[in-house]
Amino acid sequence: MGMIITPNGLEEVLSKREQIEMQFPNATFIEDFDHCIIDIKMDGRAIGSVVYSVNKIIATLMSGEHNLCESDAYDYFDYLLIPQYSDLPFNPKYR
């Protein structure tokens, strides 16, 4: 939770993850990739599944502490990240 200055003084601001957690307590999140959340699935059987940007995930894997090349980043995403969450109810979706 963050704080922002408004005309009414300091106010708390919920992160996108915190907002989703309040509305969908069973949602599954990919740790350390909250900045890649782009939406929440609101139709079909997977209502409440968090939707992540593939491009943002790959960019994250190619920078910072991961520092993978593009090919390795896609391999990490395809073979390690997706399978880790695929069997969970309300598993993350990717766009």
Protein backbone atom coordinates (compact mmCIF):
# COMPACT_ATOMS: atom_id res chain seq x y z
CA MET A 1 0.00 0.00 0.00
CA GLY A 2 1.36 3.39 -0.91
CA MET A 3 0.61 6.94 0.05
CA ILE A 4 -0.09 9.91 -2.21
CA ILE A 5 -0.56 13.59 -1.50
CA THR A 6 -3.99 14.87 -2.48
CA PRO A 7 -5.82 18.13 -1.83
CA ASN A 8 -7.22 16.38 1.26
CA GLY A 9 -3.75 15.47 2.56
CA LEU A 10 -2.03 12.09 2.55
CA GLU A 11 -4.21 9.23 1.34
CA GLU A 12 -3.53 5.52 1.04
CA VAL A 13 -3.48 4.03 -2.43
CA LEU A 14 -3.95 0.32 -2.99
CA SER A 15 -1.71 -1.40 -5.50
CA LYS A 16 -3.31 -3.26 -8.39
CA ARG A 17 -2.53 -6.52 -6.56
CA GLU A 18 -4.16 -5.32 -3.33
CA GLN A 19 -7.28 -4.26 -5.23
CA ILE A 20 -7.52 -7.68 -6.89
CA GLU A 21 -6.89 -9.50 -3.59
CA MET A 22 -9.77 -7.63 -1.98
CA GLN A 23 -12.20 -8.48 -4.77
CA PHE A 24 -10.90 -11.99 -5.57
CA PRO A 25 -9.26 -13.52 -2.46
CA ASN A 26 -8.55 -16.80 -4.30
CA ALA A 27 -6.61 -15.16 -7.14
CA THR A 28 -3.16 -16.60 -7.81
CA PHE A 29 -0.27 -14.18 -8.32
CA ILE A 30 3.19 -14.68 -9.83
CA GLU A 31 5.59 -13.47 -7.16
CA ASP A 32 7.79 -10.50 -8.12
CA PHE A 33 5.81 -9.78 -11.30
CA ASP A 34 3.04 -7.51 -9.94
CA HIS A 35 4.18 -4.75 -12.31
CA CYS A 36 3.23 -7.06 -15.21
CA ILE A 37 -0.46 -7.34 -14.21
CA ILE A 38 -2.64 -5.89 -16.94
CA ASP A 39 -6.14 -7.16 -16.16
CA ILE A 40 -8.37 -9.58 -14.28
CA LYS A 41 -10.41 -12.20 -16.14
CA MET A 42 -14.07 -11.34 -15.68
CA ASP A 43 -15.85 -13.97 -17.80
CA GLY A 44 -16.11 -17.71 -18.21
CA ARG A 45 -14.98 -20.32 -15.69
CA ALA A 46 -11.81 -18.49 -14.64
CA ILE A 47 -13.38 -15.37 -13.16
CA GLY A 48 -10.80 -13.77 -10.92
CA SER A 49 -7.73 -15.07 -12.75
CA VAL A 50 -5.01 -12.43 -12.95
CA VAL A 51 -3.90 -11.55 -16.50
CA TYR A 52 -0.22 -10.79 -17.05
CA SER A 53 1.54 -9.13 -19.98
CA VAL A 54 3.88 -11.61 -21.65
CA ASN A 55 5.93 -8.73 -23.07
CA LYS A 56 6.42 -7.19 -19.62
CA ILE A 57 7.37 -10.54 -18.09
CA ILE A 58 9.94 -11.17 -20.85
CA ALA A 59 11.33 -7.62 -20.49
CA THR A 60 11.66 -8.19 -16.73
CA LEU A 61 13.47 -11.48 -17.26
CA MET A 62 15.86 -9.75 -19.67
CA SER A 63 16.77 -7.03 -17.18
CA GLY A 64 17.71 -6.54 -13.55
CA GLU A 65 18.73 -9.53 -11.49
CA HIS A 66 17.60 -12.07 -14.11
CA ASN A 67 19.54 -10.53 -17.04
CA LEU A 68 18.59 -13.33 -19.45
CA CYS A 69 18.91 -13.14 -23.22
CA GLU A 70 15.59 -13.09 -25.09
CA SER A 71 15.70 -16.79 -25.98
CA ASP A 72 16.45 -17.81 -22.38
CA ALA A 73 13.74 -15.46 -21.09
CA TYR A 74 11.13 -17.17 -23.29
CA ASP A 75 12.41 -20.59 -22.21
CA TYR A 76 12.15 -19.57 -18.55
CA PHE A 77 8.63 -18.28 -19.14
CA ASP A 78 7.47 -21.33 -21.13
CA TYR A 79 9.12 -24.12 -19.15
CA LEU A 80 9.42 -22.79 -15.60
CA LEU A 81 6.96 -19.99 -14.97
CA ILE A 82 3.80 -21.18 -16.74
CA PRO A 83 3.96 -24.81 -15.51
CA GLN A 84 4.56 -23.67 -11.93
CA TYR A 85 1.08 -22.12 -11.80
CA SER A 86 -0.90 -24.04 -14.45
CA ASP A 87 -2.50 -26.63 -12.13
CA LEU A 88 -3.70 -24.10 -9.57
CA PRO A 89 -7.32 -22.97 -9.41
CA PHE A 90 -7.63 -19.41 -10.71
CA ASN A 91 -4.22 -19.82 -12.35
CA PRO A 92 -2.76 -16.73 -14.03
CA LYS A 93 -3.55 -16.00 -17.68
CA TYR A 94 -1.19 -14.42 -20.18
CA ARG A 95 -1.76 -11.94 -22.98
